[in-house]
Protein backbone atom coordinates (compact mmCIF):
# COMPACT_ATOMS: atom_id res chain seq x y z
CA UNK A 1 0.00 0.00 0.00
CA UNK A 2 1.39 3.47 -0.85
CA UNK A 3 2.66 5.54 2.05
CA UNK A 4 -0.06 8.16 1.53
CA UNK A 5 -2.77 5.54 1.95
CA UNK A 6 -1.07 4.05 5.00
CA UNK A 7 -0.93 7.43 6.71
CA UNK A 8 -4.43 8.59 5.79
CA UNK A 9 -6.09 5.25 6.60
CA UNK A 10 -4.63 5.26 10.12
CA UNK A 11 -6.82 5.97 13.12
CA UNK A 12 -6.92 9.76 13.54
CA UNK A 13 -9.43 9.72 16.41
CA UNK A 14 -7.02 11.21 18.98
CA UNK A 15 -6.17 14.02 16.58
CA UNK A 16 -9.80 14.72 15.74
CA UNK A 17 -10.90 14.75 19.38
CA UNK A 18 -8.14 17.16 20.29
CA UNK A 19 -9.08 19.41 17.35
CA UNK A 20 -12.70 19.44 18.53
CA UNK A 21 -11.63 20.25 22.08
CA UNK A 22 -9.84 23.35 20.82
CA UNK A 23 -12.67 24.34 18.48
CA UNK A 24 -10.94 23.36 15.23
CA UNK A 25 -12.33 21.62 12.19
CA UNK A 26 -11.33 17.97 12.14
CA UNK A 27 -11.01 17.96 8.35
CA UNK A 28 -8.40 20.71 8.35
CA UNK A 29 -4.75 20.64 9.32
CA UNK A 30 -3.03 23.63 10.92
CA UNK A 31 0.71 23.67 10.17
CA UNK A 32 1.20 26.50 12.64
CA UNK A 33 0.17 24.38 15.63
CA UNK A 34 3.04 22.37 17.06
CA UNK A 35 1.10 19.35 18.28
CA UNK A 36 -0.59 18.96 14.89
CA UNK A 37 2.74 19.05 13.07
CA UNK A 38 4.23 16.56 15.53
CA UNK A 39 1.22 14.28 15.12
CA UNK A 40 1.67 14.15 11.35
CA UNK A 41 5.44 13.71 11.67
CA UNK A 42 4.85 10.68 13.89
CA UNK A 43 2.43 9.23 11.32
CA UNK A 44 5.19 9.42 8.73
CA UNK A 45 7.82 8.07 11.13
CA UNK A 46 5.67 5.10 12.07
CA UNK A 47 5.76 3.82 8.50
CA UNK A 48 9.13 5.23 7.46
CA UNK A 49 11.40 5.45 10.52
CA UNK A 50 14.32 6.18 8.21
CA UNK A 51 12.91 9.61 7.34
CA UNK A 52 14.42 12.68 8.94
CA UNK A 53 11.77 14.20 11.20
CA UNK A 54 13.14 17.69 10.69
CA UNK A 55 12.87 17.30 6.91
CA UNK A 56 9.20 16.35 7.35
CA UNK A 57 8.60 19.42 9.54
CA UNK A 58 10.32 21.69 7.04
CA UNK A 59 8.17 20.27 4.24
CA UNK A 60 5.01 20.94 6.26
CA UNK A 61 6.16 24.48 6.97
CA UNK A 62 6.92 25.06 3.29
CA UNK A 63 3.42 23.90 2.41
CA UNK A 64 1.94 26.54 4.68
CA UNK A 65 4.12 29.23 3.12
CA UNK A 66 3.12 28.26 -0.43
CA UNK A 67 -0.60 27.62 0.06
CA UNK A 68 -3.54 29.40 1.63
CA UNK A 69 -5.50 27.74 4.43
CA UNK A 70 -7.55 26.02 5.47
CA UNK A 71 -5.27 23.09 4.77
CA UNK A 72 -6.63 19.67 3.95
CA UNK A 73 -4.82 16.78 5.59
CA UNK A 74 -4.51 14.78 2.37
CA UNK A 75 -3.03 17.78 0.53
CA UNK A 76 -0.39 18.26 3.21
CA UNK A 77 0.53 14.56 3.07
CA UNK A 78 0.79 14.75 -0.74
CA UNK A 79 3.02 17.81 -0.49
CA UNK A 80 5.36 16.19 2.03
CA UNK A 81 5.64 13.05 -0.08
CA UNK A 82 6.56 15.13 -3.15
CA UNK A 83 9.01 17.32 -1.26
CA UNK A 84 10.76 14.25 0.14
CA UNK A 85 10.64 12.51 -3.26
CA UNK A 86 8.68 9.56 -1.92
PDB file of N, CA and C in Angstrom:
ATOM      1  N   UNK A   1       0.852  -1.180   0.000  1.00  0.00           N
ATOM      2  CA  UNK A   1       0.000   0.000   0.000  1.00  0.00           C
ATOM      3  C   UNK A   1       0.897   1.242   0.000  1.00  0.00           C
ATOM      4  N   UNK A   2       0.583   2.240  -0.832  1.00  0.00           N
ATOM      5  CA  UNK A   2       1.387   3.467  -0.851  1.00  0.00           C
ATOM      6  C   UNK A   2       1.398   4.166   0.506  1.00  0.00           C
ATOM      7  N   UNK A   3       2.486   4.859   0.766  1.00  0.00           N
ATOM      8  CA  UNK A   3       2.660   5.538   2.055  1.00  0.00           C
ATOM      9  C   UNK A   3       1.512   6.507   2.339  1.00  0.00           C
ATOM     10  N   UNK A   4       1.054   7.230   1.335  1.00  0.00           N
ATOM     11  CA  UNK A   4      -0.059   8.157   1.535  1.00  0.00           C
ATOM     12  C   UNK A   4      -1.273   7.418   2.088  1.00  0.00           C
ATOM     13  N   UNK A   5      -1.606   6.302   1.500  1.00  0.00           N
ATOM     14  CA  UNK A   5      -2.772   5.536   1.947  1.00  0.00           C
ATOM     15  C   UNK A   5      -2.563   4.986   3.356  1.00  0.00           C
ATOM     16  N   UNK A   6      -1.352   4.554   3.657  1.00  0.00           N
ATOM     17  CA  UNK A   6      -1.065   4.054   5.001  1.00  0.00           C
ATOM     18  C   UNK A   6      -1.295   5.144   6.049  1.00  0.00           C
ATOM     19  N   UNK A   7      -0.810   6.325   5.765  1.00  0.00           N
ATOM     20  CA  UNK A   7      -0.934   7.434   6.713  1.00  0.00           C
ATOM     21  C   UNK A   7      -2.390   7.873   6.862  1.00  0.00           C
ATOM     22  N   UNK A   8      -3.062   8.062   5.735  1.00  0.00           N
ATOM     23  CA  UNK A   8      -4.426   8.591   5.789  1.00  0.00           C
ATOM     24  C   UNK A   8      -5.443   7.571   6.280  1.00  0.00           C
ATOM     25  N   UNK A   9      -5.141   6.274   6.144  1.00  0.00           N
ATOM     26  CA  UNK A   9      -6.085   5.252   6.604  1.00  0.00           C
ATOM     27  C   UNK A   9      -5.880   4.885   8.070  1.00  0.00           C
ATOM     28  N   UNK A  10      -4.880   5.485   8.683  1.00  0.00           N
ATOM     29  CA  UNK A  10      -4.634   5.260  10.119  1.00  0.00           C
ATOM     30  C   UNK A  10      -5.801   5.807  10.941  1.00  0.00           C
ATOM     31  N   UNK A  11      -5.824   5.440  12.189  1.00  0.00           N
ATOM     32  CA  UNK A  11      -6.820   5.971  13.118  1.00  0.00           C
ATOM     33  C   UNK A  11      -6.389   7.375  13.546  1.00  0.00           C
ATOM     34  N   UNK A  12      -7.185   8.362  13.216  1.00  0.00           N
ATOM     35  CA  UNK A  12      -6.916   9.756  13.543  1.00  0.00           C
ATOM     36  C   UNK A  12      -7.830  10.248  14.654  1.00  0.00           C
ATOM     37  N   UNK A  13      -8.450   9.352  15.391  1.00  0.00           N
ATOM     38  CA  UNK A  13      -9.428   9.725  16.406  1.00  0.00           C
ATOM     39  C   UNK A  13      -8.834  10.659  17.460  1.00  0.00           C
ATOM     40  N   UNK A  14      -7.651  10.346  17.970  1.00  0.00           N
ATOM     41  CA  UNK A  14      -7.020  11.212  18.982  1.00  0.00           C
ATOM     42  C   UNK A  14      -6.835  12.634  18.451  1.00  0.00           C
ATOM     43  N   UNK A  15      -6.374  12.727  17.229  1.00  0.00           N
ATOM     44  CA  UNK A  15      -6.168  14.024  16.584  1.00  0.00           C
ATOM     45  C   UNK A  15      -7.487  14.771  16.471  1.00  0.00           C
ATOM     46  N   UNK A  16      -8.502  14.085  15.968  1.00  0.00           N
ATOM     47  CA  UNK A  16      -9.799  14.718  15.744  1.00  0.00           C
ATOM     48  C   UNK A  16     -10.457  15.170  17.048  1.00  0.00           C
ATOM     49  N   UNK A  17     -10.337  14.367  18.082  1.00  0.00           N
ATOM     50  CA  UNK A  17     -10.905  14.749  19.377  1.00  0.00           C
ATOM     51  C   UNK A  17     -10.196  15.979  19.949  1.00  0.00           C
ATOM     52  N   UNK A  18      -8.891  16.003  19.791  1.00  0.00           N
ATOM     53  CA  UNK A  18      -8.140  17.156  20.286  1.00  0.00           C
ATOM     54  C   UNK A  18      -8.506  18.413  19.488  1.00  0.00           C
ATOM     55  N   UNK A  19      -8.664  18.274  18.174  1.00  0.00           N
ATOM     56  CA  UNK A  19      -9.084  19.413  17.354  1.00  0.00           C
ATOM     57  C   UNK A  19     -10.435  19.944  17.825  1.00  0.00           C
ATOM     58  N   UNK A  20     -11.367  19.041  18.077  1.00  0.00           N
ATOM     59  CA  UNK A  20     -12.699  19.444  18.528  1.00  0.00           C
ATOM     60  C   UNK A  20     -12.640  20.156  19.877  1.00  0.00           C
ATOM     61  N   UNK A  21     -11.777  19.650  20.756  1.00  0.00           N
ATOM     62  CA  UNK A  21     -11.630  20.253  22.084  1.00  0.00           C
ATOM     63  C   UNK A  21     -11.177  21.703  21.987  1.00  0.00           C
ATOM     64  N   UNK A  22     -10.353  21.991  20.989  1.00  0.00           N
ATOM     65  CA  UNK A  22      -9.841  23.352  20.818  1.00  0.00           C
ATOM     66  C   UNK A  22     -10.655  24.151  19.803  1.00  0.00           C
ATOM     67  N   UNK A  23     -11.787  23.614  19.371  1.00  0.00           N
ATOM     68  CA  UNK A  23     -12.674  24.337  18.477  1.00  0.00           C
ATOM     69  C   UNK A  23     -12.274  24.336  17.016  1.00  0.00           C
ATOM     70  N   UNK A  24     -11.371  23.427  16.627  1.00  0.00           N
ATOM     71  CA  UNK A  24     -10.941  23.358  15.234  1.00  0.00           C
ATOM     72  C   UNK A  24     -11.800  22.430  14.404  1.00  0.00           C
ATOM     73  N   UNK A  25     -11.637  22.522  13.112  1.00  0.00           N
ATOM     74  CA  UNK A  25     -12.329  21.624  12.191  1.00  0.00           C
ATOM     75  C   UNK A  25     -11.489  20.368  12.011  1.00  0.00           C
ATOM     76  N   UNK A  26     -12.092  19.209  12.202  1.00  0.00           N
ATOM     77  CA  UNK A  26     -11.325  17.966  12.137  1.00  0.00           C
ATOM     78  C   UNK A  26     -10.818  17.664  10.736  1.00  0.00           C
ATOM     79  N   UNK A  27     -11.431  18.229   9.716  1.00  0.00           N
ATOM     80  CA  UNK A  27     -11.006  17.955   8.348  1.00  0.00           C
ATOM     81  C   UNK A  27      -9.843  18.837   7.906  1.00  0.00           C
ATOM     82  N   UNK A  28      -9.499  19.826   8.713  1.00  0.00           N
ATOM     83  CA  UNK A  28      -8.399  20.711   8.347  1.00  0.00           C
ATOM     84  C   UNK A  28      -7.155  20.395   9.174  1.00  0.00           C
ATOM     85  N   UNK A  29      -6.029  20.826   8.653  1.00  0.00           N
ATOM     86  CA  UNK A  29      -4.746  20.643   9.319  1.00  0.00           C
ATOM     87  C   UNK A  29      -4.133  22.020   9.484  1.00  0.00           C
ATOM     88  N   UNK A  30      -3.638  22.326  10.663  1.00  0.00           N
ATOM     89  CA  UNK A  30      -3.030  23.628  10.920  1.00  0.00           C
ATOM     90  C   UNK A  30      -1.525  23.476  11.107  1.00  0.00           C
ATOM     91  N   UNK A  31      -0.739  23.828  10.085  1.00  0.00           N
ATOM     92  CA  UNK A  31       0.710  23.667  10.167  1.00  0.00           C
ATOM     93  C   UNK A  31       1.397  24.657  11.099  1.00  0.00           C
ATOM     94  N   UNK A  32       0.623  25.547  11.695  1.00  0.00           N
ATOM     95  CA  UNK A  32       1.201  26.504  12.635  1.00  0.00           C
ATOM     96  C   UNK A  32       1.034  26.049  14.082  1.00  0.00           C
ATOM     97  N   UNK A  33       0.390  24.906  14.285  1.00  0.00           N
ATOM     98  CA  UNK A  33       0.166  24.380  15.631  1.00  0.00           C
ATOM     99  C   UNK A  33       1.110  23.199  15.842  1.00  0.00           C
ATOM    100  N   UNK A  34       1.988  23.354  16.824  1.00  0.00           N
ATOM    101  CA  UNK A  34       3.042  22.368  17.055  1.00  0.00           C
ATOM    102  C   UNK A  34       2.568  20.944  17.227  1.00  0.00           C
ATOM    103  N   UNK A  35       1.525  20.724  18.041  1.00  0.00           N
ATOM    104  CA  UNK A  35       1.099  19.350  18.284  1.00  0.00           C
ATOM    105  C   UNK A  35       0.543  18.713  17.017  1.00  0.00           C
ATOM    106  N   UNK A  36      -0.067  19.518  16.133  1.00  0.00           N
ATOM    107  CA  UNK A  36      -0.592  18.963  14.889  1.00  0.00           C
ATOM    108  C   UNK A  36       0.554  18.540  13.970  1.00  0.00           C
ATOM    109  N   UNK A  37       1.560  19.379  13.886  1.00  0.00           N
ATOM    110  CA  UNK A  37       2.736  19.050  13.069  1.00  0.00           C
ATOM    111  C   UNK A  37       3.393  17.792  13.613  1.00  0.00           C
ATOM    112  N   UNK A  38       3.592  17.733  14.922  1.00  0.00           N
ATOM    113  CA  UNK A  38       4.231  16.562  15.527  1.00  0.00           C
ATOM    114  C   UNK A  38       3.408  15.297  15.305  1.00  0.00           C
ATOM    115  N   UNK A  39       2.098  15.426  15.346  1.00  0.00           N
ATOM    116  CA  UNK A  39       1.216  14.277  15.124  1.00  0.00           C
ATOM    117  C   UNK A  39       1.433  13.714  13.720  1.00  0.00           C
ATOM    118  N   UNK A  40       1.474  14.606  12.725  1.00  0.00           N
ATOM    119  CA  UNK A  40       1.674  14.153  11.353  1.00  0.00           C
ATOM    120  C   UNK A  40       3.082  13.592  11.152  1.00  0.00           C
ATOM    121  N   UNK A  41       4.065  14.222  11.753  1.00  0.00           N
ATOM    122  CA  UNK A  41       5.443  13.714  11.668  1.00  0.00           C
ATOM    123  C   UNK A  41       5.509  12.288  12.204  1.00  0.00           C
ATOM    124  N   UNK A  42       4.848  12.030  13.309  1.00  0.00           N
ATOM    125  CA  UNK A  42       4.850  10.680  13.890  1.00  0.00           C
ATOM    126  C   UNK A  42       4.130   9.672  12.994  1.00  0.00           C
ATOM    127  N   UNK A  43       3.107  10.121  12.278  1.00  0.00           N
ATOM    128  CA  UNK A  43       2.432   9.230  11.323  1.00  0.00           C
ATOM    129  C   UNK A  43       3.405   8.802  10.233  1.00  0.00           C
ATOM    130  N   UNK A  44       4.183   9.757   9.729  1.00  0.00           N
ATOM    131  CA  UNK A  44       5.193   9.421   8.726  1.00  0.00           C
ATOM    132  C   UNK A  44       6.250   8.494   9.318  1.00  0.00           C
ATOM    133  N   UNK A  45       6.736   8.830  10.503  1.00  0.00           N
ATOM    134  CA  UNK A  45       7.820   8.073  11.129  1.00  0.00           C
ATOM    135  C   UNK A  45       7.400   6.641  11.463  1.00  0.00           C
ATOM    136  N   UNK A  46       6.149   6.448  11.750  1.00  0.00           N
ATOM    137  CA  UNK A  46       5.669   5.102  12.069  1.00  0.00           C
ATOM    138  C   UNK A  46       5.886   4.155  10.888  1.00  0.00           C
ATOM    139  N   UNK A  47       5.643   4.654   9.693  1.00  0.00           N
ATOM    140  CA  UNK A  47       5.755   3.816   8.502  1.00  0.00           C
ATOM    141  C   UNK A  47       7.107   3.933   7.807  1.00  0.00           C
ATOM    142  N   UNK A  48       7.810   5.029   8.052  1.00  0.00           N
ATOM    143  CA  UNK A  48       9.132   5.229   7.459  1.00  0.00           C
ATOM    144  C   UNK A  48      10.077   5.804   8.513  1.00  0.00           C
ATOM    145  N   UNK A  49      10.522   4.957   9.449  1.00  0.00           N
ATOM    146  CA  UNK A  49      11.396   5.451  10.520  1.00  0.00           C
ATOM    147  C   UNK A  49      12.728   5.991  10.014  1.00  0.00           C
ATOM    148  N   UNK A  50      13.071   5.694   8.785  1.00  0.00           N
ATOM    149  CA  UNK A  50      14.317   6.179   8.207  1.00  0.00           C
ATOM    150  C   UNK A  50      14.251   7.652   7.798  1.00  0.00           C
ATOM    151  N   UNK A  51      13.056   8.209   7.748  1.00  0.00           N
ATOM    152  CA  UNK A  51      12.914   9.608   7.337  1.00  0.00           C
ATOM    153  C   UNK A  51      13.360  10.559   8.440  1.00  0.00           C
ATOM    154  N   UNK A  52      13.978  11.641   8.021  1.00  0.00           N
ATOM    155  CA  UNK A  52      14.425  12.682   8.942  1.00  0.00           C
ATOM    156  C   UNK A  52      13.211  13.503   9.386  1.00  0.00           C
ATOM    157  N   UNK A  53      12.937  13.489  10.665  1.00  0.00           N
ATOM    158  CA  UNK A  53      11.770  14.197  11.197  1.00  0.00           C
ATOM    159  C   UNK A  53      11.824  15.705  10.914  1.00  0.00           C
ATOM    160  N   UNK A  54      13.007  16.262  10.967  1.00  0.00           N
ATOM    161  CA  UNK A  54      13.138  17.691  10.689  1.00  0.00           C
ATOM    162  C   UNK A  54      12.810  17.984   9.227  1.00  0.00           C
ATOM    163  N   UNK A  55      13.194  17.117   8.325  1.00  0.00           N
ATOM    164  CA  UNK A  55      12.866  17.300   6.905  1.00  0.00           C
ATOM    165  C   UNK A  55      11.352  17.268   6.692  1.00  0.00           C
ATOM    166  N   UNK A  56      10.659  16.416   7.438  1.00  0.00           N
ATOM    167  CA  UNK A  56       9.195  16.353   7.351  1.00  0.00           C
ATOM    168  C   UNK A  56       8.602  17.670   7.849  1.00  0.00           C
ATOM    169  N   UNK A  57       9.106  18.154   8.985  1.00  0.00           N
ATOM    170  CA  UNK A  57       8.601  19.423   9.540  1.00  0.00           C
ATOM    171  C   UNK A  57       8.849  20.592   8.592  1.00  0.00           C
ATOM    172  N   UNK A  58      10.000  20.621   7.984  1.00  0.00           N
ATOM    173  CA  UNK A  58      10.321  21.692   7.039  1.00  0.00           C
ATOM    174  C   UNK A  58       9.378  21.624   5.841  1.00  0.00           C
ATOM    175  N   UNK A  59       9.094  20.431   5.368  1.00  0.00           N
ATOM    176  CA  UNK A  59       8.167  20.270   4.241  1.00  0.00           C
ATOM    177  C   UNK A  59       6.776  20.771   4.599  1.00  0.00           C
ATOM    178  N   UNK A  60       6.326  20.471   5.808  1.00  0.00           N
ATOM    179  CA  UNK A  60       5.014  20.936   6.265  1.00  0.00           C
ATOM    180  C   UNK A  60       4.998  22.458   6.332  1.00  0.00           C
ATOM    181  N   UNK A  61       6.059  23.034   6.869  1.00  0.00           N
ATOM    182  CA  UNK A  61       6.156  24.485   6.974  1.00  0.00           C
ATOM    183  C   UNK A  61       6.161  25.144   5.594  1.00  0.00           C
ATOM    184  N   UNK A  62       6.865  24.546   4.658  1.00  0.00           N
ATOM    185  CA  UNK A  62       6.916  25.064   3.293  1.00  0.00           C
ATOM    186  C   UNK A  62       5.537  25.025   2.648  1.00  0.00           C
ATOM    187  N   UNK A  63       4.777  23.986   2.938  1.00  0.00           N
ATOM    188  CA  UNK A  63       3.416  23.896   2.406  1.00  0.00           C
ATOM    189  C   UNK A  63       2.597  25.095   2.864  1.00  0.00           C
ATOM    190  N   UNK A  64       2.699  25.416   4.136  1.00  0.00           N
ATOM    191  CA  UNK A  64       1.939  26.538   4.683  1.00  0.00           C
ATOM    192  C   UNK A  64       2.362  27.861   4.055  1.00  0.00           C
ATOM    193  N   UNK A  65       3.631  27.994   3.732  1.00  0.00           N
ATOM    194  CA  UNK A  65       4.122  29.228   3.120  1.00  0.00           C
ATOM    195  C   UNK A  65       3.668  29.366   1.667  1.00  0.00           C
ATOM    196  N   UNK A  66       3.452  28.247   1.003  1.00  0.00           N
ATOM    197  CA  UNK A  66       3.119  28.264  -0.426  1.00  0.00           C
ATOM    198  C   UNK A  66       1.629  28.141  -0.723  1.00  0.00           C
ATOM    199  N   UNK A  67       0.825  27.865   0.269  1.00  0.00           N
ATOM    200  CA  UNK A  67      -0.598  27.625   0.056  1.00  0.00           C
ATOM    201  C   UNK A  67      -1.421  28.384   1.091  1.00  0.00           C
ATOM    202  N   UNK A  68      -2.632  28.721   0.709  1.00  0.00           N
ATOM    203  CA  UNK A  68      -3.543  29.397   1.628  1.00  0.00           C
ATOM    204  C   UNK A  68      -4.398  28.371   2.355  1.00  0.00           C
ATOM    205  N   UNK A  69      -4.652  28.619   3.640  1.00  0.00           N
ATOM    206  CA  UNK A  69      -5.498  27.737   4.427  1.00  0.00           C
ATOM    207  C   UNK A  69      -6.964  27.997   4.155  1.00  0.00           C
ATOM    208  N   UNK A  70      -7.846  27.185   4.626  1.00  0.00           N
ATOM    209  CA  UNK A  70      -7.555  26.016   5.467  1.00  0.00           C
ATOM    210  C   UNK A  70      -6.860  24.910   4.663  1.00  0.00           C
ATOM    211  N   UNK A  71      -6.103  24.123   5.379  1.00  0.00           N
ATOM    212  CA  UNK A  71      -5.274  23.094   4.774  1.00  0.00           C
ATOM    213  C   UNK A  71      -5.899  21.717   4.955  1.00  0.00           C
ATOM    214  N   UNK A  72      -6.096  21.023   3.866  1.00  0.00           N
ATOM    215  CA  UNK A  72      -6.633  19.666   3.954  1.00  0.00           C
ATOM    216  C   UNK A  72      -5.505  18.685   4.269  1.00  0.00           C
ATOM    217  N   UNK A  73      -5.789  17.770   5.145  1.00  0.00           N
ATOM    218  CA  UNK A  73      -4.819  16.783   5.591  1.00  0.00           C
ATOM    219  C   UNK A  73      -4.196  16.026   4.413  1.00  0.00           C
ATOM    220  N   UNK A  74      -5.029  15.563   3.491  1.00  0.00           N
ATOM    221  CA  UNK A  74      -4.506  14.785   2.370  1.00  0.00           C
ATOM    222  C   UNK A  74      -3.606  15.618   1.464  1.00  0.00           C
ATOM    223  N   UNK A  75      -3.889  16.917   1.338  1.00  0.00           N
ATOM    224  CA  UNK A  75      -3.032  17.784   0.527  1.00  0.00           C
ATOM    225  C   UNK A  75      -1.669  17.970   1.184  1.00  0.00           C
ATOM    226  N   UNK A  76      -1.666  18.105   2.497  1.00  0.00           N
ATOM    227  CA  UNK A  76      -0.394  18.259   3.213  1.00  0.00           C
ATOM    228  C   UNK A  76       0.443  16.989   3.070  1.00  0.00           C
ATOM    229  N   UNK A  77      -0.191  15.832   3.216  1.00  0.00           N
ATOM    230  CA  UNK A  77       0.525  14.558   3.072  1.00  0.00           C
ATOM    231  C   UNK A  77       1.091  14.441   1.662  1.00  0.00           C
ATOM    232  N   UNK A  78       0.307  14.771   0.649  1.00  0.00           N
ATOM    233  CA  UNK A  78       0.787  14.751  -0.738  1.00  0.00           C
ATOM    234  C   UNK A  78       2.011  15.645  -0.913  1.00  0.00           C
ATOM    235  N   UNK A  79       1.926  16.851  -0.371  1.00  0.00           N
ATOM    236  CA  UNK A  79       3.016  17.811  -0.489  1.00  0.00           C
ATOM    237  C   UNK A  79       4.304  17.249   0.137  1.00  0.00           C
ATOM    238  N   UNK A  80       4.193  16.726   1.339  1.00  0.00           N
ATOM    239  CA  UNK A  80       5.362  16.189   2.031  1.00  0.00           C
ATOM    240  C   UNK A  80       5.976  15.038   1.221  1.00  0.00           C
ATOM    241  N   UNK A  81       5.136  14.171   0.726  1.00  0.00           N
ATOM    242  CA  UNK A  81       5.640  13.050  -0.077  1.00  0.00           C
ATOM    243  C   UNK A  81       6.394  13.551  -1.303  1.00  0.00           C
ATOM    244  N   UNK A  82       5.879  14.570  -1.963  1.00  0.00           N
ATOM    245  CA  UNK A  82       6.558  15.127  -3.149  1.00  0.00           C
ATOM    246  C   UNK A  82       7.844  15.822  -2.767  1.00  0.00           C
ATOM    247  N   UNK A  83       7.810  16.600  -1.682  1.00  0.00           N
ATOM    248  CA  UNK A  83       9.014  17.325  -1.259  1.00  0.00           C
ATOM    249  C   UNK A  83      10.134  16.375  -0.847  1.00  0.00           C
ATOM    250  N   UNK A  84       9.760  15.234  -0.293  1.00  0.00           N
ATOM    251  CA  UNK A  84      10.761  14.253   0.140  1.00  0.00           C
ATOM    252  C   UNK A  84      11.053  13.222  -0.949  1.00  0.00           C
ATOM    253  N   UNK A  85      10.455  13.419  -2.105  1.00  0.00           N
ATOM    254  CA  UNK A  85      10.641  12.508  -3.261  1.00  0.00           C
ATOM    255  C   UNK A  85      10.282  11.076  -2.922  1.00  0.00           C
ATOM    256  N   UNK A  86       9.121  10.897  -2.292  1.00  0.00           N
ATOM    257  CA  UNK A  86       8.679   9.557  -1.917  1.00  0.00           C
ATOM    258  C   UNK A  86       7.543   9.096  -2.826  1.00  0.00           C
TER     259      UNK A  86
END
